[in-house]
Amino acid sequence: MVEIVSLEVVGQESAVAAALKCITDGYVIAIPLEHSYAFACNAFDEDAVRAMHVLRHDEIGVAAQVMLASAAAATGILRNTTWQVQSLMDNFWPGLLSINAAPQPGLKWNLGDFKKLDLISVRVPKSDFMLALLAQSGPLAVASAVQTGKAPRREVSALTEYHDEIPLIVDGGTLPEGPASTILTVRDNTITAVRIGAVSLVQLKEIQPSVSAATY
């Protein structure tokens, strides 16, 4: 049976401790992000990442996002962090900017794509709870607590179907509505905005004029 830990009731420190124990023990948990609840687990625990994809009924080959505690942590995860990418991280992290880039080749993980994509999505979230958790847990594999294409879940009551599947839900209350993250893809020294969300193309270009919008 799932344990529901309320941030408001127990406080951030106790909630982080409960979440960290479950993650360290190899479990998937549900956590609050900026505008939706998500699943999270140790990014380097292949069994936990696989279990997370099973919970979401993901197709084979779908890769989880990796969340980090700081922009500095990205340098150990990404293969080549140019000054242009670093400037975007420095200005928009923590926040709703996701960056897709090539990972370090020596990383021993499988985020769901068996390393075939040679691309990972990283972000530093704007959440005091998540930043405190990430500072202790290290990189976490994260995916929305809903199947692809469905509306984000902003209330803990929407997670009842997972009560027998996960050991812990961190209750952050009813989360505010808001935009999705903006997604950038970095390849061959080019930076392309493949989805515009919370951060506009104008804002991106103010920091890094070389960012271009995707054309389909």
N, C-alpha and C. Protein backbone atom coordinates (compact mmCIF):
# COMPACT_ATOMS: atom_id res chain seq x y z
N MET A 1 0.85 -1.20 0.00
CA MET A 1 0.00 0.00 0.00
C MET A 1 0.88 1.25 0.00
N VAL A 2 0.50 2.21 -0.78
CA VAL A 2 1.30 3.43 -0.92
C VAL A 2 1.23 4.28 0.34
N GLU A 3 2.33 4.94 0.65
CA GLU A 3 2.36 5.94 1.71
C GLU A 3 2.30 7.32 1.06
N ILE A 4 1.38 8.15 1.52
CA ILE A 4 1.27 9.51 0.99
C ILE A 4 1.81 10.47 2.03
N VAL A 5 2.88 11.18 1.67
CA VAL A 5 3.55 12.10 2.58
C VAL A 5 3.28 13.52 2.12
N SER A 6 2.62 14.29 2.97
CA SER A 6 2.27 15.66 2.63
C SER A 6 3.40 16.61 2.98
N LEU A 7 3.84 17.37 2.00
CA LEU A 7 4.87 18.38 2.25
C LEU A 7 4.40 19.40 3.28
N GLU A 8 3.15 19.75 3.21
CA GLU A 8 2.61 20.76 4.12
C GLU A 8 2.59 20.24 5.56
N VAL A 9 2.34 18.96 5.73
CA VAL A 9 2.20 18.39 7.07
C VAL A 9 3.56 18.04 7.68
N VAL A 10 4.39 17.30 6.94
CA VAL A 10 5.64 16.79 7.52
C VAL A 10 6.83 17.72 7.28
N GLY A 11 6.71 18.62 6.30
CA GLY A 11 7.82 19.51 5.99
C GLY A 11 8.75 18.92 4.94
N GLN A 12 9.55 19.78 4.35
CA GLN A 12 10.41 19.37 3.23
C GLN A 12 11.47 18.36 3.66
N GLU A 13 12.10 18.58 4.79
CA GLU A 13 13.19 17.69 5.21
C GLU A 13 12.71 16.25 5.38
N SER A 14 11.59 16.06 6.03
CA SER A 14 11.06 14.70 6.23
C SER A 14 10.61 14.09 4.92
N ALA A 15 10.01 14.90 4.04
CA ALA A 15 9.56 14.38 2.75
C ALA A 15 10.74 13.96 1.89
N VAL A 16 11.80 14.74 1.92
CA VAL A 16 13.02 14.39 1.17
C VAL A 16 13.61 13.09 1.71
N ALA A 17 13.66 12.95 3.02
CA ALA A 17 14.21 11.72 3.62
C ALA A 17 13.41 10.49 3.21
N ALA A 18 12.08 10.61 3.20
CA ALA A 18 11.23 9.48 2.80
C ALA A 18 11.44 9.13 1.33
N ALA A 19 11.50 10.17 0.49
CA ALA A 19 11.70 9.95 -0.94
C ALA A 19 13.07 9.34 -1.22
N LEU A 20 14.09 9.84 -0.54
CA LEU A 20 15.45 9.36 -0.76
C LEU A 20 15.58 7.89 -0.38
N LYS A 21 14.94 7.47 0.72
CA LYS A 21 15.02 6.07 1.12
C LYS A 21 14.41 5.15 0.07
N CYS A 22 13.24 5.53 -0.46
CA CYS A 22 12.60 4.70 -1.48
C CYS A 22 13.44 4.63 -2.75
N ILE A 23 14.00 5.76 -3.16
CA ILE A 23 14.81 5.79 -4.37
C ILE A 23 16.08 4.96 -4.19
N THR A 24 16.71 5.10 -3.03
CA THR A 24 17.92 4.33 -2.74
C THR A 24 17.63 2.84 -2.71
N ASP A 25 16.43 2.48 -2.26
CA ASP A 25 16.03 1.07 -2.21
C ASP A 25 15.60 0.52 -3.56
N GLY A 26 15.61 1.36 -4.59
CA GLY A 26 15.33 0.88 -5.93
C GLY A 26 13.89 1.02 -6.40
N TYR A 27 13.12 1.87 -5.72
CA TYR A 27 11.71 2.02 -6.07
C TYR A 27 11.46 3.25 -6.94
N VAL A 28 10.31 3.21 -7.59
CA VAL A 28 9.76 4.37 -8.31
C VAL A 28 8.79 5.07 -7.36
N ILE A 29 8.84 6.39 -7.31
CA ILE A 29 7.93 7.15 -6.47
C ILE A 29 7.24 8.22 -7.32
N ALA A 30 6.22 8.84 -6.75
CA ALA A 30 5.55 9.96 -7.42
C ALA A 30 5.87 11.24 -6.67
N ILE A 31 6.21 12.28 -7.43
CA ILE A 31 6.64 13.54 -6.82
C ILE A 31 5.96 14.73 -7.53
N PRO A 32 5.85 15.86 -6.85
CA PRO A 32 5.28 17.05 -7.50
C PRO A 32 6.35 17.85 -8.23
N LEU A 33 6.07 18.21 -9.46
CA LEU A 33 6.93 19.15 -10.20
C LEU A 33 6.23 20.51 -10.22
N GLU A 34 6.59 21.36 -11.16
CA GLU A 34 6.01 22.70 -11.18
C GLU A 34 4.50 22.68 -11.45
N HIS A 35 4.09 21.91 -12.47
CA HIS A 35 2.68 21.94 -12.88
C HIS A 35 2.06 20.55 -13.02
N SER A 36 2.73 19.53 -12.56
CA SER A 36 2.17 18.19 -12.67
C SER A 36 2.91 17.23 -11.75
N TYR A 37 2.26 16.10 -11.47
CA TYR A 37 2.92 15.03 -10.73
C TYR A 37 3.66 14.13 -11.71
N ALA A 38 4.78 13.59 -11.23
CA ALA A 38 5.63 12.77 -12.09
C ALA A 38 6.17 11.58 -11.32
N PHE A 39 6.64 10.58 -12.06
CA PHE A 39 7.35 9.46 -11.47
C PHE A 39 8.84 9.81 -11.44
N ALA A 40 9.54 9.28 -10.44
CA ALA A 40 10.98 9.51 -10.36
C ALA A 40 11.65 8.28 -9.78
N CYS A 41 12.88 8.03 -10.23
CA CYS A 41 13.69 6.94 -9.69
C CYS A 41 15.15 7.22 -10.00
N ASN A 42 16.02 6.41 -9.44
CA ASN A 42 17.45 6.54 -9.67
C ASN A 42 17.76 6.35 -11.16
N ALA A 43 18.38 7.34 -11.77
CA ALA A 43 18.65 7.27 -13.21
C ALA A 43 19.61 6.15 -13.56
N PHE A 44 20.40 5.68 -12.59
CA PHE A 44 21.38 4.64 -12.86
C PHE A 44 20.88 3.25 -12.47
N ASP A 45 19.65 3.15 -12.03
CA ASP A 45 19.06 1.86 -11.67
C ASP A 45 18.18 1.40 -12.82
N GLU A 46 18.72 0.50 -13.65
CA GLU A 46 18.03 0.09 -14.87
C GLU A 46 16.70 -0.58 -14.58
N ASP A 47 16.64 -1.38 -13.51
CA ASP A 47 15.40 -2.06 -13.16
C ASP A 47 14.33 -1.05 -12.76
N ALA A 48 14.71 -0.02 -11.99
CA ALA A 48 13.75 1.00 -11.57
C ALA A 48 13.25 1.80 -12.76
N VAL A 49 14.15 2.15 -13.67
CA VAL A 49 13.74 2.90 -14.86
C VAL A 49 12.78 2.08 -15.71
N ARG A 50 13.08 0.78 -15.84
CA ARG A 50 12.18 -0.10 -16.60
C ARG A 50 10.81 -0.17 -15.94
N ALA A 51 10.80 -0.25 -14.61
CA ALA A 51 9.51 -0.30 -13.89
C ALA A 51 8.72 0.98 -14.10
N MET A 52 9.41 2.11 -14.18
CA MET A 52 8.73 3.38 -14.42
C MET A 52 8.06 3.40 -15.80
N HIS A 53 8.76 2.88 -16.78
CA HIS A 53 8.18 2.83 -18.13
C HIS A 53 6.98 1.88 -18.17
N VAL A 54 7.05 0.78 -17.42
CA VAL A 54 5.92 -0.15 -17.36
C VAL A 54 4.71 0.53 -16.73
N LEU A 55 4.92 1.31 -15.69
CA LEU A 55 3.81 2.03 -15.05
C LEU A 55 3.09 2.93 -16.04
N ARG A 56 3.85 3.53 -16.95
CA ARG A 56 3.29 4.47 -17.91
C ARG A 56 2.83 3.79 -19.20
N HIS A 57 3.05 2.49 -19.31
CA HIS A 57 2.72 1.74 -20.54
C HIS A 57 3.46 2.32 -21.74
N ASP A 58 4.70 2.70 -21.52
CA ASP A 58 5.50 3.27 -22.61
C ASP A 58 5.87 2.20 -23.63
N GLU A 59 5.99 2.60 -24.86
CA GLU A 59 6.50 1.71 -25.89
C GLU A 59 8.00 1.54 -25.70
N ILE A 60 8.54 0.45 -26.20
CA ILE A 60 9.98 0.22 -26.12
C ILE A 60 10.72 1.31 -26.89
N GLY A 61 11.74 1.84 -26.30
CA GLY A 61 12.53 2.89 -26.96
C GLY A 61 12.28 4.28 -26.44
N VAL A 62 11.24 4.44 -25.61
CA VAL A 62 10.96 5.76 -25.02
C VAL A 62 11.96 6.00 -23.89
N ALA A 63 12.60 7.17 -23.91
CA ALA A 63 13.61 7.49 -22.90
C ALA A 63 13.06 8.46 -21.87
N ALA A 64 13.41 8.22 -20.61
CA ALA A 64 13.02 9.13 -19.53
C ALA A 64 13.90 10.38 -19.56
N GLN A 65 13.39 11.46 -18.97
CA GLN A 65 14.19 12.66 -18.79
C GLN A 65 15.05 12.50 -17.54
N VAL A 66 16.16 13.23 -17.52
CA VAL A 66 17.03 13.23 -16.34
C VAL A 66 16.96 14.61 -15.70
N MET A 67 16.67 14.64 -14.40
CA MET A 67 16.65 15.91 -13.67
C MET A 67 17.87 16.00 -12.79
N LEU A 68 18.43 17.20 -12.71
CA LEU A 68 19.68 17.46 -12.01
C LEU A 68 19.49 18.56 -10.98
N ALA A 69 20.42 18.61 -10.03
CA ALA A 69 20.33 19.61 -8.96
C ALA A 69 20.86 20.97 -9.39
N SER A 70 21.70 21.01 -10.43
CA SER A 70 22.31 22.28 -10.83
C SER A 70 22.85 22.18 -12.24
N ALA A 71 23.13 23.35 -12.83
CA ALA A 71 23.75 23.37 -14.16
C ALA A 71 25.13 22.74 -14.12
N ALA A 72 25.83 22.90 -13.00
CA ALA A 72 27.17 22.31 -12.88
C ALA A 72 27.13 20.80 -13.02
N ALA A 73 26.06 20.19 -12.53
CA ALA A 73 25.93 18.73 -12.62
C ALA A 73 25.82 18.26 -14.06
N ALA A 74 25.35 19.13 -14.95
CA ALA A 74 25.17 18.74 -16.35
C ALA A 74 26.49 18.47 -17.05
N THR A 75 27.56 19.10 -16.59
CA THR A 75 28.86 18.91 -17.25
C THR A 75 29.36 17.47 -17.09
N GLY A 76 28.93 16.78 -16.05
CA GLY A 76 29.32 15.39 -15.89
C GLY A 76 28.41 14.43 -16.61
N ILE A 77 27.31 14.94 -17.15
CA ILE A 77 26.31 14.11 -17.82
C ILE A 77 26.36 14.28 -19.34
N LEU A 78 26.55 15.52 -19.79
CA LEU A 78 26.55 15.81 -21.22
C LEU A 78 27.96 15.72 -21.80
N ARG A 79 28.04 15.31 -23.04
CA ARG A 79 29.33 15.06 -23.69
C ARG A 79 30.11 16.33 -23.97
N ASN A 80 29.42 17.36 -24.40
CA ASN A 80 30.14 18.58 -24.78
C ASN A 80 29.24 19.78 -24.51
N THR A 81 29.45 20.41 -23.37
CA THR A 81 28.65 21.58 -23.01
C THR A 81 29.37 22.83 -23.50
N THR A 82 28.93 23.37 -24.62
CA THR A 82 29.55 24.56 -25.18
C THR A 82 29.17 25.79 -24.36
N TRP A 83 29.87 26.89 -24.58
CA TRP A 83 29.56 28.10 -23.84
C TRP A 83 28.17 28.62 -24.19
N GLN A 84 27.73 28.35 -25.44
CA GLN A 84 26.40 28.79 -25.84
C GLN A 84 25.32 28.06 -25.02
N VAL A 85 25.49 26.73 -24.88
CA VAL A 85 24.54 25.95 -24.09
C VAL A 85 24.64 26.34 -22.62
N GLN A 86 25.86 26.55 -22.15
CA GLN A 86 26.06 26.93 -20.75
C GLN A 86 25.35 28.24 -20.43
N SER A 87 25.37 29.18 -21.38
CA SER A 87 24.72 30.47 -21.14
C SER A 87 23.21 30.31 -20.98
N LEU A 88 22.62 29.38 -21.74
CA LEU A 88 21.18 29.12 -21.62
C LEU A 88 20.87 28.44 -20.29
N MET A 89 21.70 27.51 -19.88
CA MET A 89 21.52 26.87 -18.58
C MET A 89 21.58 27.90 -17.46
N ASP A 90 22.58 28.76 -17.53
CA ASP A 90 22.79 29.75 -16.47
C ASP A 90 21.62 30.72 -16.34
N ASN A 91 20.96 31.00 -17.45
CA ASN A 91 19.87 31.98 -17.44
C ASN A 91 18.50 31.38 -17.17
N PHE A 92 18.29 30.12 -17.56
CA PHE A 92 16.94 29.56 -17.47
C PHE A 92 16.81 28.38 -16.52
N TRP A 93 17.88 28.00 -15.85
CA TRP A 93 17.82 26.96 -14.83
C TRP A 93 18.07 27.58 -13.46
N PRO A 94 17.37 27.15 -12.42
CA PRO A 94 16.24 26.20 -12.44
C PRO A 94 15.05 26.79 -13.22
N GLY A 95 14.35 25.93 -13.92
CA GLY A 95 13.20 26.42 -14.67
C GLY A 95 12.71 25.43 -15.70
N LEU A 96 11.79 25.91 -16.52
CA LEU A 96 11.11 25.04 -17.50
C LEU A 96 11.79 25.09 -18.86
N LEU A 97 13.06 24.74 -18.87
CA LEU A 97 13.82 24.59 -20.11
C LEU A 97 14.48 23.22 -20.10
N SER A 98 14.10 22.38 -21.06
CA SER A 98 14.69 21.05 -21.21
C SER A 98 15.70 21.09 -22.35
N ILE A 99 16.84 20.47 -22.14
CA ILE A 99 17.89 20.46 -23.16
C ILE A 99 18.20 19.02 -23.54
N ASN A 100 18.01 18.72 -24.83
CA ASN A 100 18.34 17.41 -25.37
C ASN A 100 19.74 17.48 -25.97
N ALA A 101 20.64 16.64 -25.48
CA ALA A 101 22.01 16.67 -25.96
C ALA A 101 22.64 15.29 -25.79
N ALA A 102 23.81 15.11 -26.40
CA ALA A 102 24.49 13.82 -26.33
C ALA A 102 25.06 13.59 -24.93
N PRO A 103 24.87 12.39 -24.39
CA PRO A 103 25.41 12.08 -23.06
C PRO A 103 26.88 11.66 -23.12
N GLN A 104 27.52 11.68 -21.97
CA GLN A 104 28.86 11.12 -21.87
C GLN A 104 28.80 9.64 -22.24
N PRO A 105 29.71 9.15 -23.09
CA PRO A 105 29.62 7.76 -23.55
C PRO A 105 29.82 6.73 -22.45
N GLY A 106 30.49 7.08 -21.37
CA GLY A 106 30.79 6.11 -20.32
C GLY A 106 29.71 5.92 -19.29
N LEU A 107 28.60 6.64 -19.41
CA LEU A 107 27.54 6.53 -18.42
C LEU A 107 26.89 5.15 -18.46
N LYS A 108 26.80 4.52 -17.31
CA LYS A 108 26.25 3.15 -17.24
C LYS A 108 24.77 3.23 -16.86
N TRP A 109 23.94 3.52 -17.85
CA TRP A 109 22.51 3.57 -17.60
C TRP A 109 21.76 3.23 -18.87
N ASN A 110 20.48 2.95 -18.70
CA ASN A 110 19.56 2.74 -19.82
C ASN A 110 18.28 3.45 -19.45
N LEU A 111 18.06 4.60 -20.06
CA LEU A 111 16.88 5.41 -19.73
C LEU A 111 15.63 4.95 -20.45
N GLY A 112 15.77 3.86 -21.23
CA GLY A 112 14.63 3.30 -21.94
C GLY A 112 14.88 3.10 -23.42
N ASP A 113 15.96 3.73 -23.93
CA ASP A 113 16.26 3.64 -25.37
C ASP A 113 17.46 2.76 -25.65
N PHE A 114 18.00 2.11 -24.60
CA PHE A 114 19.16 1.24 -24.74
C PHE A 114 20.35 1.99 -25.36
N LYS A 115 20.41 3.30 -25.11
CA LYS A 115 21.46 4.21 -25.60
C LYS A 115 21.46 4.37 -27.12
N LYS A 116 20.41 3.93 -27.79
CA LYS A 116 20.38 4.01 -29.25
C LYS A 116 20.19 5.44 -29.75
N LEU A 117 19.51 6.28 -28.95
CA LEU A 117 19.24 7.65 -29.40
C LEU A 117 20.47 8.53 -29.33
N ASP A 118 21.43 8.17 -28.49
CA ASP A 118 22.60 9.00 -28.22
C ASP A 118 22.18 10.43 -27.91
N LEU A 119 21.10 10.53 -27.15
CA LEU A 119 20.54 11.85 -26.81
C LEU A 119 19.77 11.70 -25.50
N ILE A 120 20.00 12.60 -24.58
CA ILE A 120 19.22 12.60 -23.35
C ILE A 120 18.63 13.99 -23.14
N SER A 121 17.54 14.03 -22.40
CA SER A 121 16.89 15.29 -22.05
C SER A 121 17.19 15.59 -20.59
N VAL A 122 17.75 16.76 -20.32
CA VAL A 122 18.11 17.13 -18.95
C VAL A 122 17.44 18.45 -18.57
N ARG A 123 17.17 18.59 -17.27
CA ARG A 123 16.57 19.82 -16.78
C ARG A 123 16.85 19.97 -15.29
N VAL A 124 16.97 21.21 -14.84
CA VAL A 124 17.02 21.53 -13.41
C VAL A 124 15.67 22.14 -13.07
N PRO A 125 14.86 21.45 -12.27
CA PRO A 125 13.49 21.93 -12.01
C PRO A 125 13.47 23.12 -11.04
N LYS A 126 12.42 23.91 -11.15
CA LYS A 126 12.23 25.04 -10.24
C LYS A 126 11.27 24.61 -9.15
N SER A 127 11.78 23.84 -8.23
CA SER A 127 10.98 23.28 -7.13
C SER A 127 11.91 23.10 -5.94
N ASP A 128 11.62 23.75 -4.83
CA ASP A 128 12.48 23.63 -3.66
C ASP A 128 12.60 22.18 -3.20
N PHE A 129 11.46 21.46 -3.21
CA PHE A 129 11.49 20.05 -2.80
C PHE A 129 12.39 19.23 -3.72
N MET A 130 12.20 19.37 -5.03
CA MET A 130 12.98 18.57 -5.97
C MET A 130 14.46 18.92 -5.92
N LEU A 131 14.78 20.19 -5.78
CA LEU A 131 16.19 20.59 -5.70
C LEU A 131 16.84 20.01 -4.45
N ALA A 132 16.11 20.01 -3.34
CA ALA A 132 16.64 19.42 -2.11
C ALA A 132 16.83 17.91 -2.26
N LEU A 133 15.87 17.25 -2.92
CA LEU A 133 15.98 15.81 -3.15
C LEU A 133 17.15 15.49 -4.08
N LEU A 134 17.25 16.21 -5.18
CA LEU A 134 18.30 15.97 -6.17
C LEU A 134 19.70 16.21 -5.60
N ALA A 135 19.81 17.15 -4.68
CA ALA A 135 21.10 17.44 -4.06
C ALA A 135 21.62 16.22 -3.30
N GLN A 136 20.71 15.38 -2.82
CA GLN A 136 21.11 14.20 -2.07
C GLN A 136 21.08 12.92 -2.92
N SER A 137 20.16 12.85 -3.86
CA SER A 137 19.96 11.61 -4.63
C SER A 137 20.88 11.50 -5.83
N GLY A 138 21.33 12.63 -6.37
CA GLY A 138 21.98 12.61 -7.66
C GLY A 138 20.95 12.59 -8.77
N PRO A 139 21.38 12.39 -10.01
CA PRO A 139 20.45 12.44 -11.15
C PRO A 139 19.28 11.48 -11.01
N LEU A 140 18.09 11.97 -11.29
CA LEU A 140 16.89 11.14 -11.25
C LEU A 140 16.29 11.02 -12.64
N ALA A 141 15.83 9.82 -12.97
CA ALA A 141 15.04 9.61 -14.17
C ALA A 141 13.61 9.99 -13.83
N VAL A 142 13.02 10.83 -14.67
CA VAL A 142 11.69 11.38 -14.37
C VAL A 142 10.80 11.29 -15.60
N ALA A 143 9.54 10.98 -15.37
CA ALA A 143 8.54 10.96 -16.45
C ALA A 143 7.19 11.30 -15.86
N SER A 144 6.37 12.00 -16.62
CA SER A 144 5.05 12.41 -16.16
C SER A 144 4.24 11.21 -15.68
N ALA A 145 3.50 11.39 -14.58
CA ALA A 145 2.70 10.30 -14.02
C ALA A 145 1.39 10.13 -14.78
N VAL A 146 1.53 10.01 -16.08
CA VAL A 146 0.38 9.84 -16.96
C VAL A 146 0.91 9.32 -18.29
N GLN A 147 0.09 8.58 -18.99
CA GLN A 147 0.51 8.07 -20.29
C GLN A 147 0.69 9.22 -21.28
N THR A 148 1.61 9.02 -22.22
CA THR A 148 1.89 10.03 -23.23
C THR A 148 0.62 10.47 -23.94
N GLY A 149 0.46 11.77 -24.08
CA GLY A 149 -0.68 12.32 -24.79
C GLY A 149 -1.86 12.69 -23.92
N LYS A 150 -1.83 12.29 -22.65
CA LYS A 150 -2.92 12.62 -21.74
C LYS A 150 -2.59 13.87 -20.92
N ALA A 151 -3.62 14.49 -20.37
CA ALA A 151 -3.44 15.74 -19.63
C ALA A 151 -2.62 15.50 -18.37
N PRO A 152 -1.80 16.47 -17.98
CA PRO A 152 -1.00 16.34 -16.75
C PRO A 152 -1.89 16.15 -15.54
N ARG A 153 -1.40 15.41 -14.56
CA ARG A 153 -2.14 15.20 -13.32
C ARG A 153 -1.63 16.20 -12.30
N ARG A 154 -2.53 17.07 -11.83
CA ARG A 154 -2.14 18.15 -10.93
C ARG A 154 -2.58 17.90 -9.49
N GLU A 155 -3.28 16.79 -9.25
CA GLU A 155 -3.76 16.47 -7.90
C GLU A 155 -3.39 15.04 -7.52
N VAL A 156 -3.08 14.85 -6.26
CA VAL A 156 -2.72 13.52 -5.76
C VAL A 156 -3.88 12.54 -5.96
N SER A 157 -5.10 13.02 -5.85
CA SER A 157 -6.27 12.15 -6.01
C SER A 157 -6.34 11.51 -7.39
N ALA A 158 -5.62 12.06 -8.35
CA ALA A 158 -5.61 11.51 -9.71
C ALA A 158 -4.66 10.33 -9.84
N LEU A 159 -3.94 10.00 -8.76
CA LEU A 159 -2.94 8.94 -8.82
C LEU A 159 -3.40 7.65 -8.16
N THR A 160 -4.69 7.53 -7.88
CA THR A 160 -5.18 6.36 -7.13
C THR A 160 -4.90 5.04 -7.84
N GLU A 161 -4.83 5.02 -9.14
CA GLU A 161 -4.60 3.77 -9.86
C GLU A 161 -3.21 3.20 -9.58
N TYR A 162 -2.31 4.02 -9.02
CA TYR A 162 -0.95 3.57 -8.75
C TYR A 162 -0.72 3.21 -7.28
N HIS A 163 -1.76 3.23 -6.47
CA HIS A 163 -1.60 3.00 -5.04
C HIS A 163 -1.03 1.62 -4.71
N ASP A 164 -1.23 0.65 -5.57
CA ASP A 164 -0.69 -0.69 -5.33
C ASP A 164 0.61 -0.92 -6.11
N GLU A 165 1.07 0.11 -6.82
CA GLU A 165 2.22 -0.06 -7.71
C GLU A 165 3.48 0.65 -7.21
N ILE A 166 3.32 1.67 -6.39
CA ILE A 166 4.47 2.44 -5.91
C ILE A 166 4.39 2.58 -4.38
N PRO A 167 5.54 2.75 -3.71
CA PRO A 167 5.52 2.80 -2.26
C PRO A 167 5.27 4.19 -1.68
N LEU A 168 5.46 5.24 -2.48
CA LEU A 168 5.41 6.59 -1.91
C LEU A 168 4.89 7.61 -2.93
N ILE A 169 4.01 8.48 -2.45
CA ILE A 169 3.61 9.67 -3.19
C ILE A 169 3.90 10.87 -2.30
N VAL A 170 4.66 11.81 -2.82
CA VAL A 170 4.90 13.06 -2.10
C VAL A 170 3.82 14.04 -2.52
N ASP A 171 3.00 14.42 -1.56
CA ASP A 171 1.83 15.27 -1.83
C ASP A 171 2.23 16.74 -1.72
N GLY A 172 2.22 17.41 -2.85
CA GLY A 172 2.52 18.84 -2.89
C GLY A 172 1.27 19.68 -3.03
N GLY A 173 0.11 19.08 -2.77
CA GLY A 173 -1.14 19.80 -2.92
C GLY A 173 -1.58 19.86 -4.38
N THR A 174 -2.58 20.69 -4.64
CA THR A 174 -3.04 20.89 -6.01
C THR A 174 -2.05 21.82 -6.71
N LEU A 175 -1.44 21.33 -7.77
CA LEU A 175 -0.40 22.09 -8.46
C LEU A 175 -1.03 23.08 -9.43
N PRO A 176 -0.43 24.25 -9.60
CA PRO A 176 -1.00 25.26 -10.49
C PRO A 176 -0.91 24.86 -11.96
N GLU A 177 -1.86 25.30 -12.74
CA GLU A 177 -1.76 25.11 -14.19
C GLU A 177 -0.62 25.96 -14.71
N GLY A 178 -0.01 25.50 -15.77
CA GLY A 178 1.09 26.28 -16.35
C GLY A 178 1.58 25.64 -17.63
N PRO A 179 2.46 26.32 -18.33
CA PRO A 179 2.95 25.82 -19.62
C PRO A 179 3.92 24.67 -19.46
N ALA A 180 4.07 23.90 -20.50
CA ALA A 180 5.08 22.84 -20.55
C ALA A 180 6.45 23.47 -20.68
N SER A 181 7.47 22.67 -20.54
CA SER A 181 8.82 23.20 -20.71
C SER A 181 9.11 23.45 -22.18
N THR A 182 9.96 24.40 -22.42
CA THR A 182 10.53 24.60 -23.76
C THR A 182 11.62 23.56 -23.95
N ILE A 183 11.70 22.98 -25.13
CA ILE A 183 12.68 21.93 -25.39
C ILE A 183 13.66 22.37 -26.48
N LEU A 184 14.94 22.29 -26.16
CA LEU A 184 16.00 22.56 -27.12
C LEU A 184 16.73 21.27 -27.45
N THR A 185 17.12 21.10 -28.70
CA THR A 185 17.97 19.98 -29.10
C THR A 185 19.30 20.52 -29.59
N VAL A 186 20.37 19.96 -29.04
CA VAL A 186 21.72 20.40 -29.39
C VAL A 186 22.40 19.30 -30.18
N ARG A 187 22.75 19.60 -31.42
CA ARG A 187 23.46 18.64 -32.28
C ARG A 187 24.41 19.40 -33.19
N ASP A 188 25.64 18.89 -33.30
CA ASP A 188 26.62 19.47 -34.22
C ASP A 188 26.74 20.99 -34.05
N ASN A 189 26.80 21.41 -32.79
CA ASN A 189 26.96 22.83 -32.46
C ASN A 189 25.81 23.71 -32.90
N THR A 190 24.66 23.10 -33.21
CA THR A 190 23.46 23.89 -33.50
C THR A 190 22.46 23.69 -32.37
N ILE A 191 21.71 24.73 -32.06
CA ILE A 191 20.71 24.68 -30.99
C ILE A 191 19.35 24.98 -31.61
N THR A 192 18.46 24.00 -31.55
CA THR A 192 17.15 24.13 -32.19
C THR A 192 16.04 24.02 -31.15
N ALA A 193 15.12 24.96 -31.18
CA ALA A 193 13.95 24.91 -30.29
C ALA A 193 12.91 24.01 -30.95
N VAL A 194 12.76 22.80 -30.42
CA VAL A 194 11.83 21.84 -31.01
C VAL A 194 10.44 21.93 -30.39
N ARG A 195 10.34 22.59 -29.25
CA ARG A 195 9.04 22.90 -28.65
C ARG A 195 9.16 24.19 -27.84
N ILE A 196 8.25 25.12 -28.12
CA ILE A 196 8.22 26.37 -27.36
C ILE A 196 7.14 26.25 -26.30
N GLY A 197 7.56 26.45 -25.05
CA GLY A 197 6.63 26.38 -23.93
C GLY A 197 6.80 27.58 -23.03
N ALA A 198 7.27 27.33 -21.82
CA ALA A 198 7.38 28.40 -20.82
C ALA A 198 8.39 29.47 -21.21
N VAL A 199 9.44 29.08 -21.92
CA VAL A 199 10.47 30.04 -22.36
C VAL A 199 10.26 30.30 -23.85
N SER A 200 10.06 31.55 -24.20
CA SER A 200 9.77 31.90 -25.60
C SER A 200 11.04 31.92 -26.45
N LEU A 201 10.84 31.87 -27.75
CA LEU A 201 11.97 31.95 -28.68
C LEU A 201 12.67 33.31 -28.54
N VAL A 202 11.88 34.35 -28.30
CA VAL A 202 12.47 35.69 -28.11
C VAL A 202 13.38 35.69 -26.89
N GLN A 203 12.94 35.09 -25.80
CA GLN A 203 13.78 35.03 -24.59
C GLN A 203 15.05 34.24 -24.85
N LEU A 204 14.94 33.14 -25.57
CA LEU A 204 16.11 32.33 -25.88
C LEU A 204 17.12 33.11 -26.71
N LYS A 205 16.62 33.81 -27.72
CA LYS A 205 17.50 34.55 -28.63
C LYS A 205 18.15 35.75 -27.94
N GLU A 206 17.50 36.27 -26.94
CA GLU A 206 18.11 37.37 -26.19
C GLU A 206 19.40 36.91 -25.51
N ILE A 207 19.42 35.66 -25.10
CA ILE A 207 20.61 35.10 -24.45
C ILE A 207 21.57 34.48 -25.45
N GLN A 208 20.99 33.77 -26.44
CA GLN A 208 21.81 33.08 -27.43
C GLN A 208 21.16 33.23 -28.81
N PRO A 209 21.59 34.24 -29.59
CA PRO A 209 20.98 34.52 -30.89
C PRO A 209 21.03 33.36 -31.88
N SER A 210 21.93 32.41 -31.65
CA SER A 210 22.07 31.31 -32.62
C SER A 210 20.95 30.29 -32.50
N VAL A 211 20.12 30.37 -31.47
CA VAL A 211 19.00 29.41 -31.34
C VAL A 211 18.03 29.62 -32.49
N SER A 212 17.64 28.51 -33.13
CA SER A 212 16.69 28.59 -34.25
C SER A 212 15.46 27.76 -33.92
N ALA A 213 14.35 28.10 -34.57
CA ALA A 213 13.12 27.34 -34.40
C ALA A 213 13.12 26.15 -35.34
N ALA A 214 12.57 25.03 -34.89
CA ALA A 214 12.49 23.85 -35.72
C ALA A 214 11.52 24.08 -36.88
N THR A 215 11.84 23.53 -38.04
CA THR A 215 10.96 23.59 -39.20
C THR A 215 10.57 22.18 -39.57
N TYR A 216 9.27 21.95 -39.74
CA TYR A 216 8.80 20.60 -40.05
C TYR A 216 8.08 20.60 -41.38
